[in-house]
Amino acid sequence: MEISGIISAIIIGIVIGVLGRLVVPGRQHVGVIWTILVGIVAAFIGSAIAAGFDVQSTKGVDWIEWLIQIGLAALGIAALDNRRLHRR
């Protein structure tokens, strides 16, 4: 992966993290940095999953890849929030 691909993945990861957080109902007790990190990880893993199913490159917007990434980010945010709630 080239440096431009990594930078775009990070930017997309930030957007994915925010969208994933919006999908999770209720108030989350997860900070902004954790939201961004979860989004970046979800973007990388979601891209790999989309490549595995051969849906990473479609004509126009890659909606399936985006949905996979947002779903993974929502799961990550929910898991992180659940973990933090049980610590208290």
PDB file of N, CA and C in Angstrom:
ATOM      1  N   MET A   1       0.850  -1.173   0.000  1.00  0.00           N
ATOM      2  CA  MET A   1       0.000   0.000   0.000  1.00  0.00           C
ATOM      3  C   MET A   1       0.896   1.237   0.000  1.00  0.00           C
ATOM      4  N   GLU A   2       0.569   2.165  -0.854  1.00  0.00           N
ATOM      5  CA  GLU A   2       1.344   3.397  -0.949  1.00  0.00           C
ATOM      6  C   GLU A   2       0.945   4.358   0.164  1.00  0.00           C
ATOM      7  N   ILE A   3       1.763   5.388   0.359  1.00  0.00           N
ATOM      8  CA  ILE A   3       1.514   6.368   1.419  1.00  0.00           C
ATOM      9  C   ILE A   3       0.189   7.096   1.197  1.00  0.00           C
ATOM     10  N   SER A   4      -0.158   7.376  -0.055  1.00  0.00           N
ATOM     11  CA  SER A   4      -1.431   8.044  -0.331  1.00  0.00           C
ATOM     12  C   SER A   4      -2.602   7.138   0.039  1.00  0.00           C
ATOM     13  N   GLY A   5      -2.445   5.835  -0.151  1.00  0.00           N
ATOM     14  CA  GLY A   5      -3.484   4.891   0.241  1.00  0.00           C
ATOM     15  C   GLY A   5      -3.648   4.826   1.744  1.00  0.00           C
ATOM     16  N   ILE A   6      -2.541   4.902   2.470  1.00  0.00           N
ATOM     17  CA  ILE A   6      -2.589   4.882   3.933  1.00  0.00           C
ATOM     18  C   ILE A   6      -3.252   6.152   4.459  1.00  0.00           C
ATOM     19  N   ILE A   7      -2.878   7.287   3.892  1.00  0.00           N
ATOM     20  CA  ILE A   7      -3.467   8.566   4.321  1.00  0.00           C
ATOM     21  C   ILE A   7      -4.964   8.587   4.038  1.00  0.00           C
ATOM     22  N   SER A   8      -5.372   8.125   2.861  1.00  0.00           N
ATOM     23  CA  SER A   8      -6.802   8.105   2.552  1.00  0.00           C
ATOM     24  C   SER A   8      -7.535   7.108   3.444  1.00  0.00           C
ATOM     25  N   ALA A   9      -6.893   5.992   3.807  1.00  0.00           N
ATOM     26  CA  ALA A   9      -7.517   5.028   4.709  1.00  0.00           C
ATOM     27  C   ALA A   9      -7.731   5.636   6.091  1.00  0.00           C
ATOM     28  N   ILE A  10      -6.787   6.451   6.537  1.00  0.00           N
ATOM     29  CA  ILE A  10      -6.926   7.111   7.838  1.00  0.00           C
ATOM     30  C   ILE A  10      -8.068   8.118   7.801  1.00  0.00           C
ATOM     31  N   ILE A  11      -8.144   8.899   6.738  1.00  0.00           N
ATOM     32  CA  ILE A  11      -9.229   9.884   6.612  1.00  0.00           C
ATOM     33  C   ILE A  11     -10.576   9.182   6.525  1.00  0.00           C
ATOM     34  N   ILE A  12     -10.639   8.137   5.719  1.00  0.00           N
ATOM     35  CA  ILE A  12     -11.881   7.367   5.610  1.00  0.00           C
ATOM     36  C   ILE A  12     -12.197   6.714   6.954  1.00  0.00           C
ATOM     37  N   GLY A  13     -11.164   6.263   7.667  1.00  0.00           N
ATOM     38  CA  GLY A  13     -11.357   5.656   8.983  1.00  0.00           C
ATOM     39  C   GLY A  13     -11.988   6.612   9.971  1.00  0.00           C
ATOM     40  N   ILE A  14     -11.600   7.869   9.904  1.00  0.00           N
ATOM     41  CA  ILE A  14     -12.201   8.878  10.792  1.00  0.00           C
ATOM     42  C   ILE A  14     -13.699   8.998  10.498  1.00  0.00           C
ATOM     43  N   VAL A  15     -14.041   9.069   9.226  1.00  0.00           N
ATOM     44  CA  VAL A  15     -15.449   9.168   8.830  1.00  0.00           C
ATOM     45  C   VAL A  15     -16.201   7.902   9.236  1.00  0.00           C
ATOM     46  N   ILE A  16     -15.582   6.743   9.012  1.00  0.00           N
ATOM     47  CA  ILE A  16     -16.206   5.470   9.364  1.00  0.00           C
ATOM     48  C   ILE A  16     -16.465   5.399  10.869  1.00  0.00           C
ATOM     49  N   GLY A  17     -15.493   5.847  11.677  1.00  0.00           N
ATOM     50  CA  GLY A  17     -15.664   5.833  13.134  1.00  0.00           C
ATOM     51  C   GLY A  17     -16.829   6.689  13.577  1.00  0.00           C
ATOM     52  N   VAL A  18     -16.947   7.860  13.008  1.00  0.00           N
ATOM     53  CA  VAL A  18     -18.048   8.763  13.369  1.00  0.00           C
ATOM     54  C   VAL A  18     -19.389   8.162  12.936  1.00  0.00           C
ATOM     55  N   LEU A  19     -19.444   7.617  11.725  1.00  0.00           N
ATOM     56  CA  LEU A  19     -20.688   6.996  11.260  1.00  0.00           C
ATOM     57  C   LEU A  19     -21.036   5.762  12.090  1.00  0.00           C
ATOM     58  N   GLY A  20     -20.025   4.985  12.438  1.00  0.00           N
ATOM     59  CA  GLY A  20     -20.260   3.822  13.290  1.00  0.00           C
ATOM     60  C   GLY A  20     -20.803   4.214  14.640  1.00  0.00           C
ATOM     61  N   ARG A  21     -20.304   5.304  15.163  1.00  0.00           N
ATOM     62  CA  ARG A  21     -20.785   5.793  16.463  1.00  0.00           C
ATOM     63  C   ARG A  21     -22.230   6.270  16.370  1.00  0.00           C
ATOM     64  N   LEU A  22     -22.590   6.871  15.239  1.00  0.00           N
ATOM     65  CA  LEU A  22     -23.963   7.330  15.052  1.00  0.00           C
ATOM     66  C   LEU A  22     -24.946   6.170  14.932  1.00  0.00           C
ATOM     67  N   VAL A  23     -24.477   5.026  14.444  1.00  0.00           N
ATOM     68  CA  VAL A  23     -25.341   3.861  14.265  1.00  0.00           C
ATOM     69  C   VAL A  23     -25.706   3.233  15.610  1.00  0.00           C
ATOM     70  N   VAL A  24     -24.792   3.284  16.562  1.00  0.00           N
ATOM     71  CA  VAL A  24     -25.021   2.679  17.878  1.00  0.00           C
ATOM     72  C   VAL A  24     -26.016   3.542  18.643  1.00  0.00           C
ATOM     73  N   PRO A  25     -27.127   2.943  19.104  1.00  0.00           N
ATOM     74  CA  PRO A  25     -28.130   3.746  19.810  1.00  0.00           C
ATOM     75  C   PRO A  25     -27.665   4.160  21.200  1.00  0.00           C
ATOM     76  N   GLY A  26     -28.207   5.260  21.663  1.00  0.00           N
ATOM     77  CA  GLY A  26     -27.895   5.740  23.007  1.00  0.00           C
ATOM     78  C   GLY A  26     -26.600   6.526  23.058  1.00  0.00           C
ATOM     79  N   ARG A  27     -26.225   6.885  24.264  1.00  0.00           N
ATOM     80  CA  ARG A  27     -24.996   7.657  24.484  1.00  0.00           C
ATOM     81  C   ARG A  27     -23.848   6.700  24.743  1.00  0.00           C
ATOM     82  N   GLN A  28     -22.753   6.901  24.052  1.00  0.00           N
ATOM     83  CA  GLN A  28     -21.574   6.075  24.248  1.00  0.00           C
ATOM     84  C   GLN A  28     -20.559   6.826  25.100  1.00  0.00           C
ATOM     85  N   HIS A  29     -19.900   6.105  25.968  1.00  0.00           N
ATOM     86  CA  HIS A  29     -18.865   6.676  26.816  1.00  0.00           C
ATOM     87  C   HIS A  29     -17.501   6.339  26.237  1.00  0.00           C
ATOM     88  N   VAL A  30     -17.325   6.729  24.988  1.00  0.00           N
ATOM     89  CA  VAL A  30     -16.081   6.462  24.264  1.00  0.00           C
ATOM     90  C   VAL A  30     -15.564   7.804  23.763  1.00  0.00           C
ATOM     91  N   GLY A  31     -14.297   8.067  23.982  1.00  0.00           N
ATOM     92  CA  GLY A  31     -13.708   9.330  23.572  1.00  0.00           C
ATOM     93  C   GLY A  31     -13.510   9.450  22.069  1.00  0.00           C
ATOM     94  N   VAL A  32     -13.177  10.649  21.653  1.00  0.00           N
ATOM     95  CA  VAL A  32     -12.973  10.937  20.240  1.00  0.00           C
ATOM     96  C   VAL A  32     -11.796  10.142  19.667  1.00  0.00           C
ATOM     97  N   ILE A  33     -10.706  10.063  20.408  1.00  0.00           N
ATOM     98  CA  ILE A  33      -9.523   9.341  19.925  1.00  0.00           C
ATOM     99  C   ILE A  33      -9.855   7.870  19.715  1.00  0.00           C
ATOM    100  N   TRP A  34     -10.574   7.249  20.671  1.00  0.00           N
ATOM    101  CA  TRP A  34     -10.950   5.855  20.527  1.00  0.00           C
ATOM    102  C   TRP A  34     -11.897   5.660  19.346  1.00  0.00           C
ATOM    103  N   THR A  35     -12.797   6.605  19.127  1.00  0.00           N
ATOM    104  CA  THR A  35     -13.715   6.530  17.994  1.00  0.00           C
ATOM    105  C   THR A  35     -12.937   6.540  16.687  1.00  0.00           C
ATOM    106  N   ILE A  36     -11.953   7.414  16.585  1.00  0.00           N
ATOM    107  CA  ILE A  36     -11.131   7.500  15.382  1.00  0.00           C
ATOM    108  C   ILE A  36     -10.329   6.219  15.188  1.00  0.00           C
ATOM    109  N   LEU A  37      -9.728   5.710  16.257  1.00  0.00           N
ATOM    110  CA  LEU A  37      -8.933   4.481  16.145  1.00  0.00           C
ATOM    111  C   LEU A  37      -9.797   3.293  15.739  1.00  0.00           C
ATOM    112  N   VAL A  38     -10.979   3.176  16.321  1.00  0.00           N
ATOM    113  CA  VAL A  38     -11.887   2.094  15.944  1.00  0.00           C
ATOM    114  C   VAL A  38     -12.283   2.238  14.475  1.00  0.00           C
ATOM    115  N   GLY A  39     -12.526   3.455  14.035  1.00  0.00           N
ATOM    116  CA  GLY A  39     -12.880   3.699  12.631  1.00  0.00           C
ATOM    117  C   GLY A  39     -11.765   3.321  11.675  1.00  0.00           C
ATOM    118  N   ILE A  40     -10.537   3.648  12.034  1.00  0.00           N
ATOM    119  CA  ILE A  40      -9.396   3.311  11.174  1.00  0.00           C
ATOM    120  C   ILE A  40      -9.232   1.798  11.081  1.00  0.00           C
ATOM    121  N   VAL A  41      -9.311   1.122  12.225  1.00  0.00           N
ATOM    122  CA  VAL A  41      -9.187  -0.338  12.224  1.00  0.00           C
ATOM    123  C   VAL A  41     -10.338  -0.965  11.434  1.00  0.00           C
ATOM    124  N   ALA A  42     -11.549  -0.454  11.622  1.00  0.00           N
ATOM    125  CA  ALA A  42     -12.708  -0.973  10.894  1.00  0.00           C
ATOM    126  C   ALA A  42     -12.561  -0.745   9.393  1.00  0.00           C
ATOM    127  N   ALA A  43     -11.976   0.378   9.004  1.00  0.00           N
ATOM    128  CA  ALA A  43     -11.769   0.652   7.581  1.00  0.00           C
ATOM    129  C   ALA A  43     -10.798  -0.351   6.968  1.00  0.00           C
ATOM    130  N   PHE A  44      -9.694  -0.630   7.663  1.00  0.00           N
ATOM    131  CA  PHE A  44      -8.720  -1.591   7.140  1.00  0.00           C
ATOM    132  C   PHE A  44      -9.306  -3.004   7.085  1.00  0.00           C
ATOM    133  N   ILE A  45      -9.946  -3.439   8.170  1.00  0.00           N
ATOM    134  CA  ILE A  45     -10.513  -4.788   8.204  1.00  0.00           C
ATOM    135  C   ILE A  45     -11.675  -4.907   7.218  1.00  0.00           C
ATOM    136  N   GLY A  46     -12.507  -3.882   7.151  1.00  0.00           N
ATOM    137  CA  GLY A  46     -13.630  -3.890   6.208  1.00  0.00           C
ATOM    138  C   GLY A  46     -13.173  -3.958   4.768  1.00  0.00           C
ATOM    139  N   SER A  47     -12.083  -3.273   4.451  1.00  0.00           N
ATOM    140  CA  SER A  47     -11.534  -3.346   3.093  1.00  0.00           C
ATOM    141  C   SER A  47     -11.048  -4.750   2.781  1.00  0.00           C
ATOM    142  N   ALA A  48     -10.422  -5.390   3.761  1.00  0.00           N
ATOM    143  CA  ALA A  48      -9.938  -6.756   3.561  1.00  0.00           C
ATOM    144  C   ALA A  48     -11.100  -7.728   3.368  1.00  0.00           C
ATOM    145  N   ILE A  49     -12.154  -7.556   4.160  1.00  0.00           N
ATOM    146  CA  ILE A  49     -13.330  -8.420   4.013  1.00  0.00           C
ATOM    147  C   ILE A  49     -13.985  -8.205   2.652  1.00  0.00           C
ATOM    148  N   ALA A  50     -14.120  -6.942   2.249  1.00  0.00           N
ATOM    149  CA  ALA A  50     -14.708  -6.638   0.946  1.00  0.00           C
ATOM    150  C   ALA A  50     -13.866  -7.237  -0.182  1.00  0.00           C
ATOM    151  N   ALA A  51     -12.546  -7.196  -0.036  1.00  0.00           N
ATOM    152  CA  ALA A  51     -11.675  -7.798  -1.048  1.00  0.00           C
ATOM    153  C   ALA A  51     -11.860  -9.316  -1.072  1.00  0.00           C
ATOM    154  N   GLY A  52     -12.062  -9.910   0.106  1.00  0.00           N
ATOM    155  CA  GLY A  52     -12.282 -11.348   0.178  1.00  0.00           C
ATOM    156  C   GLY A  52     -13.559 -11.780  -0.526  1.00  0.00           C
ATOM    157  N   PHE A  53     -14.581 -10.933  -0.473  1.00  0.00           N
ATOM    158  CA  PHE A  53     -15.840 -11.219  -1.157  1.00  0.00           C
ATOM    159  C   PHE A  53     -15.878 -10.622  -2.565  1.00  0.00           C
ATOM    160  N   ASP A  54     -14.776 -10.012  -2.972  1.00  0.00           N
ATOM    161  CA  ASP A  54     -14.625  -9.410  -4.302  1.00  0.00           C
ATOM    162  C   ASP A  54     -15.677  -8.329  -4.579  1.00  0.00           C
ATOM    163  N   VAL A  55     -15.948  -7.496  -3.569  1.00  0.00           N
ATOM    164  CA  VAL A  55     -16.886  -6.388  -3.738  1.00  0.00           C
ATOM    165  C   VAL A  55     -16.221  -5.042  -3.422  1.00  0.00           C
ATOM    166  N   GLN A  56     -14.886  -5.020  -3.385  1.00  0.00           N
ATOM    167  CA  GLN A  56     -14.188  -3.793  -3.014  1.00  0.00           C
ATOM    168  C   GLN A  56     -14.184  -2.760  -4.131  1.00  0.00           C
ATOM    169  N   SER A  57     -14.313  -3.182  -5.369  1.00  0.00           N
ATOM    170  CA  SER A  57     -14.284  -2.240  -6.491  1.00  0.00           C
ATOM    171  C   SER A  57     -15.522  -2.433  -7.349  1.00  0.00           C
ATOM    172  N   THR A  58     -16.444  -1.512  -7.177  1.00  0.00           N
ATOM    173  CA  THR A  58     -17.642  -1.531  -8.002  1.00  0.00           C
ATOM    174  C   THR A  58     -17.722  -0.211  -8.747  1.00  0.00           C
ATOM    175  N   LYS A  59     -18.599  -0.138  -9.713  1.00  0.00           N
ATOM    176  CA  LYS A  59     -18.768   1.117 -10.438  1.00  0.00           C
ATOM    177  C   LYS A  59     -19.465   2.118  -9.536  1.00  0.00           C
ATOM    178  N   GLY A  60     -18.907   3.309  -9.454  1.00  0.00           N
ATOM    179  CA  GLY A  60     -19.481   4.332  -8.594  1.00  0.00           C
ATOM    180  C   GLY A  60     -19.008   4.178  -7.162  1.00  0.00           C
ATOM    181  N   VAL A  61     -19.874   4.482  -6.225  1.00  0.00           N
ATOM    182  CA  VAL A  61     -19.554   4.407  -4.806  1.00  0.00           C
ATOM    183  C   VAL A  61     -19.568   2.942  -4.370  1.00  0.00           C
ATOM    184  N   ASP A  62     -18.597   2.564  -3.580  1.00  0.00           N
ATOM    185  CA  ASP A  62     -18.504   1.187  -3.089  1.00  0.00           C
ATOM    186  C   ASP A  62     -19.372   1.027  -1.843  1.00  0.00           C
ATOM    187  N   TRP A  63     -20.675   0.975  -2.052  1.00  0.00           N
ATOM    188  CA  TRP A  63     -21.619   0.959  -0.940  1.00  0.00           C
ATOM    189  C   TRP A  63     -21.457  -0.270  -0.062  1.00  0.00           C
ATOM    190  N   ILE A  64     -21.213  -1.429  -0.656  1.00  0.00           N
ATOM    191  CA  ILE A  64     -21.089  -2.657   0.131  1.00  0.00           C
ATOM    192  C   ILE A  64     -19.877  -2.565   1.052  1.00  0.00           C
ATOM    193  N   GLU A  65     -18.767  -2.083   0.526  1.00  0.00           N
ATOM    194  CA  GLU A  65     -17.565  -1.928   1.349  1.00  0.00           C
ATOM    195  C   GLU A  65     -17.807  -0.934   2.484  1.00  0.00           C
ATOM    196  N   TRP A  66     -18.474   0.170   2.182  1.00  0.00           N
ATOM    197  CA  TRP A  66     -18.779   1.166   3.216  1.00  0.00           C
ATOM    198  C   TRP A  66     -19.675   0.582   4.297  1.00  0.00           C
ATOM    199  N   LEU A  67     -20.680  -0.197   3.900  1.00  0.00           N
ATOM    200  CA  LEU A  67     -21.585  -0.795   4.887  1.00  0.00           C
ATOM    201  C   LEU A  67     -20.848  -1.789   5.785  1.00  0.00           C
ATOM    202  N   ILE A  68     -19.946  -2.555   5.209  1.00  0.00           N
ATOM    203  CA  ILE A  68     -19.139  -3.483   6.010  1.00  0.00           C
ATOM    204  C   ILE A  68     -18.296  -2.701   7.007  1.00  0.00           C
ATOM    205  N   GLN A  69     -17.640  -1.642   6.552  1.00  0.00           N
ATOM    206  CA  GLN A  69     -16.778  -0.844   7.414  1.00  0.00           C
ATOM    207  C   GLN A  69     -17.576  -0.157   8.526  1.00  0.00           C
ATOM    208  N   ILE A  70     -18.711   0.412   8.196  1.00  0.00           N
ATOM    209  CA  ILE A  70     -19.538   1.090   9.200  1.00  0.00           C
ATOM    210  C   ILE A  70     -20.069   0.079  10.212  1.00  0.00           C
ATOM    211  N   GLY A  71     -20.488  -1.090   9.730  1.00  0.00           N
ATOM    212  CA  GLY A  71     -20.956  -2.135  10.641  1.00  0.00           C
ATOM    213  C   GLY A  71     -19.872  -2.574  11.607  1.00  0.00           C
ATOM    214  N   LEU A  72     -18.649  -2.742  11.101  1.00  0.00           N
ATOM    215  CA  LEU A  72     -17.530  -3.121  11.969  1.00  0.00           C
ATOM    216  C   LEU A  72     -17.217  -2.019  12.980  1.00  0.00           C
ATOM    217  N   ALA A  73     -17.284  -0.773  12.538  1.00  0.00           N
ATOM    218  CA  ALA A  73     -17.033   0.346  13.456  1.00  0.00           C
ATOM    219  C   ALA A  73     -18.110   0.399  14.537  1.00  0.00           C
ATOM    220  N   ALA A  74     -19.366   0.174  14.160  1.00  0.00           N
ATOM    221  CA  ALA A  74     -20.453   0.173  15.145  1.00  0.00           C
ATOM    222  C   ALA A  74     -20.253  -0.947  16.161  1.00  0.00           C
ATOM    223  N   LEU A  75     -19.856  -2.127  15.685  1.00  0.00           N
ATOM    224  CA  LEU A  75     -19.575  -3.230  16.607  1.00  0.00           C
ATOM    225  C   LEU A  75     -18.420  -2.891  17.540  1.00  0.00           C
ATOM    226  N   GLY A  76     -17.377  -2.273  16.991  1.00  0.00           N
ATOM    227  CA  GLY A  76     -16.223  -1.893  17.800  1.00  0.00           C
ATOM    228  C   GLY A  76     -16.566  -0.860  18.850  1.00  0.00           C
ATOM    229  N   ILE A  77     -17.347   0.145  18.472  1.00  0.00           N
ATOM    230  CA  ILE A  77     -17.761   1.184  19.425  1.00  0.00           C
ATOM    231  C   ILE A  77     -18.640   0.581  20.514  1.00  0.00           C
ATOM    232  N   ALA A  78     -19.587  -0.269  20.111  1.00  0.00           N
ATOM    233  CA  ALA A  78     -20.478  -0.888  21.092  1.00  0.00           C
ATOM    234  C   ALA A  78     -19.692  -1.780  22.054  1.00  0.00           C
ATOM    235  N   ALA A  79     -18.747  -2.540  21.534  1.00  0.00           N
ATOM    236  CA  ALA A  79     -17.942  -3.416  22.384  1.00  0.00           C
ATOM    237  C   ALA A  79     -17.074  -2.606  23.341  1.00  0.00           C
ATOM    238  N   LEU A  80     -16.475  -1.551  22.833  1.00  0.00           N
ATOM    239  CA  LEU A  80     -15.632  -0.708  23.680  1.00  0.00           C
ATOM    240  C   LEU A  80     -16.459  -0.006  24.750  1.00  0.00           C
ATOM    241  N   ASP A  81     -17.640   0.474  24.380  1.00  0.00           N
ATOM    242  CA  ASP A  81     -18.515   1.137  25.340  1.00  0.00           C
ATOM    243  C   ASP A  81     -19.000   0.143  26.394  1.00  0.00           C
ATOM    244  N   ASN A  82     -19.355  -1.054  25.977  1.00  0.00           N
ATOM    245  CA  ASN A  82     -19.815  -2.082  26.905  1.00  0.00           C
ATOM    246  C   ASN A  82     -18.707  -2.465  27.882  1.00  0.00           C
ATOM    247  N   ARG A  83     -17.500  -2.558  27.389  1.00  0.00           N
ATOM    248  CA  ARG A  83     -16.353  -2.895  28.230  1.00  0.00           C
ATOM    249  C   ARG A  83     -16.094  -1.806  29.264  1.00  0.00           C
ATOM    250  N   ARG A  84     -16.210  -0.557  28.842  1.00  0.00           N
ATOM    251  CA  ARG A  84     -15.984   0.561  29.759  1.00  0.00           C
ATOM    252  C   ARG A  84     -17.087   0.650  30.808  1.00  0.00           C
ATOM    253  N   LEU A  85     -18.315   0.305  30.452  1.00  0.00           N
ATOM    254  CA  LEU A  85     -19.411   0.355  31.415  1.00  0.00           C
ATOM    255  C   LEU A  85     -19.256  -0.726  32.493  1.00  0.00           C
ATOM    256  N   HIS A  86     -18.735  -1.874  32.104  1.00  0.00           N
ATOM    257  CA  HIS A  86     -18.575  -2.963  33.075  1.00  0.00           C
ATOM    258  C   HIS A  86     -17.373  -2.754  33.984  1.00  0.00           C
ATOM    259  N   ARG A  87     -16.473  -1.864  33.629  1.00  0.00           N
ATOM    260  CA  ARG A  87     -15.313  -1.565  34.467  1.00  0.00           C
ATOM    261  C   ARG A  87     -15.700  -0.764  35.693  1.00  0.00           C
ATOM    262  N   ARG A  88     -16.751   0.015  35.581  1.00  0.00           N
ATOM    263  CA  ARG A  88     -17.140   0.939  36.658  1.00  0.00           C
ATOM    264  C   ARG A  88     -17.778   0.248  37.804  1.00  0.00           C
TER     265      ARG A  88
END
